[in-house]
């Protein structure tokens, strides 16, 4: 929905090949591996610093990485 209803770049997460394909099929522009450090992977995409993060599962495991990768106060540099 985010891709269809907004002009945001959508980055999904998945770790197995079949779930990576599923996430891409749902419309994610990029798919990164949630089993690896998120901030480094997002930086490697070269899409800039995200202003929004929508985390729906295991947020407690990823909150430190989310804090590293998100733009301060959601403002891109």
N, C-alpha and C. Protein backbone atom coordinates (compact mmCIF):
# COMPACT_ATOMS: atom_id res chain seq x y z
N UNK A 1 0.81 -1.19 0.00
CA UNK A 1 0.00 0.00 0.00
C UNK A 1 0.86 1.26 0.00
N UNK A 2 1.94 1.23 0.76
CA UNK A 2 2.79 2.43 0.84
C UNK A 2 3.32 2.80 -0.54
N UNK A 3 3.68 1.83 -1.31
CA UNK A 3 4.21 2.12 -2.65
C UNK A 3 3.10 2.63 -3.58
N UNK A 4 1.93 2.06 -3.47
CA UNK A 4 0.83 2.46 -4.35
C UNK A 4 0.24 3.80 -3.99
N UNK A 5 0.25 4.15 -2.71
CA UNK A 5 -0.44 5.34 -2.26
C UNK A 5 0.48 6.54 -1.96
N UNK A 6 1.79 6.34 -2.03
CA UNK A 6 2.73 7.41 -1.72
C UNK A 6 3.86 7.40 -2.74
N UNK A 7 4.72 8.40 -2.64
CA UNK A 7 5.93 8.42 -3.47
C UNK A 7 7.15 8.01 -2.65
N UNK A 8 6.92 7.35 -1.51
CA UNK A 8 8.02 6.91 -0.66
C UNK A 8 8.78 5.75 -1.30
N UNK A 9 10.06 5.65 -0.98
CA UNK A 9 10.84 4.47 -1.35
C UNK A 9 10.61 3.44 -0.25
N UNK A 10 10.11 2.29 -0.62
CA UNK A 10 9.75 1.25 0.35
C UNK A 10 10.89 0.24 0.46
N UNK A 11 11.37 0.05 1.69
CA UNK A 11 12.41 -0.93 1.98
C UNK A 11 11.80 -1.96 2.91
N UNK A 12 11.67 -3.19 2.43
CA UNK A 12 11.14 -4.28 3.24
C UNK A 12 12.27 -5.12 3.81
N UNK A 13 11.93 -5.98 4.74
CA UNK A 13 12.94 -6.88 5.31
C UNK A 13 12.48 -8.32 5.21
N UNK A 14 13.43 -9.20 4.96
CA UNK A 14 13.19 -10.64 4.91
C UNK A 14 14.56 -11.32 4.92
N UNK A 15 14.60 -12.56 5.40
CA UNK A 15 15.90 -13.22 5.47
C UNK A 15 16.01 -14.44 4.55
N UNK A 16 14.91 -15.10 4.25
CA UNK A 16 14.94 -16.29 3.39
C UNK A 16 14.64 -15.91 1.94
N UNK A 17 15.19 -16.63 0.99
CA UNK A 17 14.96 -16.31 -0.41
C UNK A 17 13.47 -16.23 -0.77
N UNK A 18 12.68 -17.17 -0.27
CA UNK A 18 11.26 -17.16 -0.62
C UNK A 18 10.52 -15.96 -0.01
N UNK A 19 10.93 -15.52 1.18
CA UNK A 19 10.26 -14.36 1.76
C UNK A 19 10.78 -13.07 1.14
N UNK A 20 12.03 -13.06 0.71
CA UNK A 20 12.56 -11.90 -0.02
C UNK A 20 11.77 -11.71 -1.31
N UNK A 21 11.52 -12.79 -2.02
CA UNK A 21 10.74 -12.72 -3.25
C UNK A 21 9.31 -12.26 -2.97
N UNK A 22 8.73 -12.75 -1.90
CA UNK A 22 7.37 -12.36 -1.52
C UNK A 22 7.29 -10.86 -1.23
N UNK A 23 8.27 -10.35 -0.45
CA UNK A 23 8.28 -8.93 -0.10
C UNK A 23 8.47 -8.08 -1.36
N UNK A 24 9.36 -8.48 -2.23
CA UNK A 24 9.56 -7.76 -3.49
C UNK A 24 8.28 -7.80 -4.33
N UNK A 25 7.62 -8.93 -4.35
CA UNK A 25 6.38 -9.08 -5.09
C UNK A 25 5.26 -8.21 -4.56
N UNK A 26 5.32 -7.87 -3.28
CA UNK A 26 4.33 -6.98 -2.68
C UNK A 26 4.59 -5.52 -3.06
N UNK A 27 5.77 -5.26 -3.64
CA UNK A 27 6.02 -3.91 -4.13
C UNK A 27 7.19 -3.17 -3.50
N UNK A 28 7.92 -3.80 -2.59
CA UNK A 28 9.07 -3.12 -1.99
C UNK A 28 10.09 -2.77 -3.08
N UNK A 29 10.62 -1.56 -3.01
CA UNK A 29 11.68 -1.16 -3.93
C UNK A 29 12.97 -1.93 -3.64
N UNK A 30 13.21 -2.16 -2.36
CA UNK A 30 14.42 -2.85 -1.90
C UNK A 30 14.03 -3.81 -0.79
N UNK A 31 14.79 -4.90 -0.65
CA UNK A 31 14.58 -5.85 0.44
C UNK A 31 15.93 -6.08 1.11
N UNK A 32 15.97 -5.84 2.43
CA UNK A 32 17.19 -6.08 3.20
C UNK A 32 16.93 -7.22 4.18
N UNK A 33 18.00 -7.76 4.73
CA UNK A 33 17.94 -8.92 5.62
C UNK A 33 17.84 -8.48 7.07
N UNK A 34 16.69 -8.77 7.71
CA UNK A 34 16.50 -8.35 9.10
C UNK A 34 17.37 -9.13 10.08
N UNK A 35 18.07 -10.16 9.63
CA UNK A 35 18.98 -10.91 10.49
C UNK A 35 20.37 -10.29 10.54
N UNK A 36 20.58 -9.24 9.74
CA UNK A 36 21.87 -8.54 9.70
C UNK A 36 21.65 -7.09 10.12
N UNK A 37 22.72 -6.35 10.44
CA UNK A 37 22.56 -4.95 10.84
C UNK A 37 21.82 -4.13 9.77
N UNK A 38 20.71 -3.55 10.17
CA UNK A 38 19.86 -2.82 9.23
C UNK A 38 20.49 -1.52 8.75
N UNK A 39 21.10 -0.76 9.65
CA UNK A 39 21.62 0.56 9.29
C UNK A 39 22.66 0.47 8.17
N UNK A 40 23.55 -0.49 8.25
CA UNK A 40 24.58 -0.65 7.21
C UNK A 40 23.95 -1.01 5.87
N UNK A 41 22.95 -1.87 5.89
CA UNK A 41 22.29 -2.28 4.64
C UNK A 41 21.54 -1.12 3.99
N UNK A 42 20.87 -0.33 4.81
CA UNK A 42 20.16 0.83 4.27
C UNK A 42 21.16 1.82 3.68
N UNK A 43 22.26 2.05 4.38
CA UNK A 43 23.29 2.97 3.87
C UNK A 43 23.83 2.47 2.53
N UNK A 44 24.03 1.16 2.42
CA UNK A 44 24.56 0.57 1.18
C UNK A 44 23.61 0.73 0.00
N UNK A 45 22.32 0.93 0.27
CA UNK A 45 21.36 1.10 -0.82
C UNK A 45 21.56 2.42 -1.56
N UNK A 46 22.12 3.40 -0.87
CA UNK A 46 22.35 4.69 -1.50
C UNK A 46 21.09 5.50 -1.74
N UNK A 47 20.07 5.26 -0.93
CA UNK A 47 18.80 5.97 -1.11
C UNK A 47 18.64 7.14 -0.14
N UNK A 48 19.64 7.41 0.63
CA UNK A 48 19.56 8.49 1.61
C UNK A 48 19.06 7.98 2.95
N UNK A 49 18.86 8.91 3.84
CA UNK A 49 18.45 8.58 5.20
C UNK A 49 16.93 8.57 5.29
N UNK A 50 16.34 7.44 5.69
CA UNK A 50 14.89 7.38 5.79
C UNK A 50 14.33 8.35 6.84
N UNK A 51 13.21 8.95 6.50
CA UNK A 51 12.52 9.83 7.43
C UNK A 51 11.44 9.11 8.21
N UNK A 52 11.07 7.91 7.75
CA UNK A 52 10.02 7.12 8.39
C UNK A 52 10.46 5.67 8.50
N UNK A 53 10.08 5.02 9.59
CA UNK A 53 10.26 3.57 9.73
C UNK A 53 8.96 3.03 10.30
N UNK A 54 8.40 2.03 9.64
CA UNK A 54 7.18 1.37 10.10
C UNK A 54 7.57 -0.05 10.45
N UNK A 55 7.70 -0.33 11.73
CA UNK A 55 8.13 -1.64 12.20
C UNK A 55 6.94 -2.36 12.83
N UNK A 56 6.61 -3.52 12.30
CA UNK A 56 5.41 -4.22 12.76
C UNK A 56 5.68 -5.48 13.57
N UNK A 57 6.90 -6.02 13.50
CA UNK A 57 7.20 -7.22 14.27
C UNK A 57 8.62 -7.13 14.83
N UNK A 58 8.80 -7.70 15.99
CA UNK A 58 10.11 -7.78 16.64
C UNK A 58 10.80 -6.43 16.75
N UNK A 59 10.04 -5.39 16.94
CA UNK A 59 10.60 -4.05 17.03
C UNK A 59 11.62 -3.95 18.15
N UNK A 60 11.39 -4.65 19.25
CA UNK A 60 12.33 -4.61 20.37
C UNK A 60 13.72 -5.11 19.96
N UNK A 61 13.79 -6.01 19.01
CA UNK A 61 15.07 -6.52 18.53
C UNK A 61 15.77 -5.54 17.59
N UNK A 62 14.99 -4.68 16.95
CA UNK A 62 15.53 -3.82 15.89
C UNK A 62 15.59 -2.34 16.25
N UNK A 63 15.09 -1.97 17.41
CA UNK A 63 14.97 -0.54 17.73
C UNK A 63 16.32 0.17 17.73
N UNK A 64 17.38 -0.46 18.18
CA UNK A 64 18.70 0.19 18.18
C UNK A 64 19.17 0.45 16.74
N UNK A 65 18.95 -0.49 15.84
CA UNK A 65 19.33 -0.31 14.44
C UNK A 65 18.45 0.75 13.78
N UNK A 66 17.17 0.75 14.13
CA UNK A 66 16.27 1.76 13.58
C UNK A 66 16.73 3.15 14.00
N UNK A 67 17.14 3.28 15.25
CA UNK A 67 17.63 4.58 15.74
C UNK A 67 18.88 5.02 14.98
N UNK A 68 19.72 4.08 14.58
CA UNK A 68 20.92 4.42 13.81
C UNK A 68 20.60 4.88 12.40
N UNK A 69 19.58 4.27 11.79
CA UNK A 69 19.36 4.52 10.36
C UNK A 69 18.39 5.65 10.05
N UNK A 70 17.51 6.01 10.98
CA UNK A 70 16.49 7.01 10.68
C UNK A 70 17.07 8.42 10.79
N UNK A 71 16.55 9.31 9.97
CA UNK A 71 16.98 10.70 10.00
C UNK A 71 16.57 11.33 11.34
N UNK A 72 17.44 12.15 11.93
CA UNK A 72 17.08 12.83 13.19
C UNK A 72 15.77 13.60 13.03
N UNK A 73 14.82 13.32 13.89
CA UNK A 73 13.51 13.96 13.87
C UNK A 73 12.81 13.78 12.51
N UNK A 74 13.20 12.74 11.79
CA UNK A 74 12.59 12.45 10.51
C UNK A 74 12.94 13.40 9.38
N UNK A 75 13.93 14.26 9.61
CA UNK A 75 14.30 15.26 8.60
C UNK A 75 15.54 14.80 7.83
N UNK A 76 15.40 14.64 6.53
CA UNK A 76 16.54 14.26 5.70
C UNK A 76 17.51 15.40 5.57
N UNK A 77 18.78 15.05 5.46
CA UNK A 77 19.83 16.06 5.33
C UNK A 77 19.93 16.59 3.92
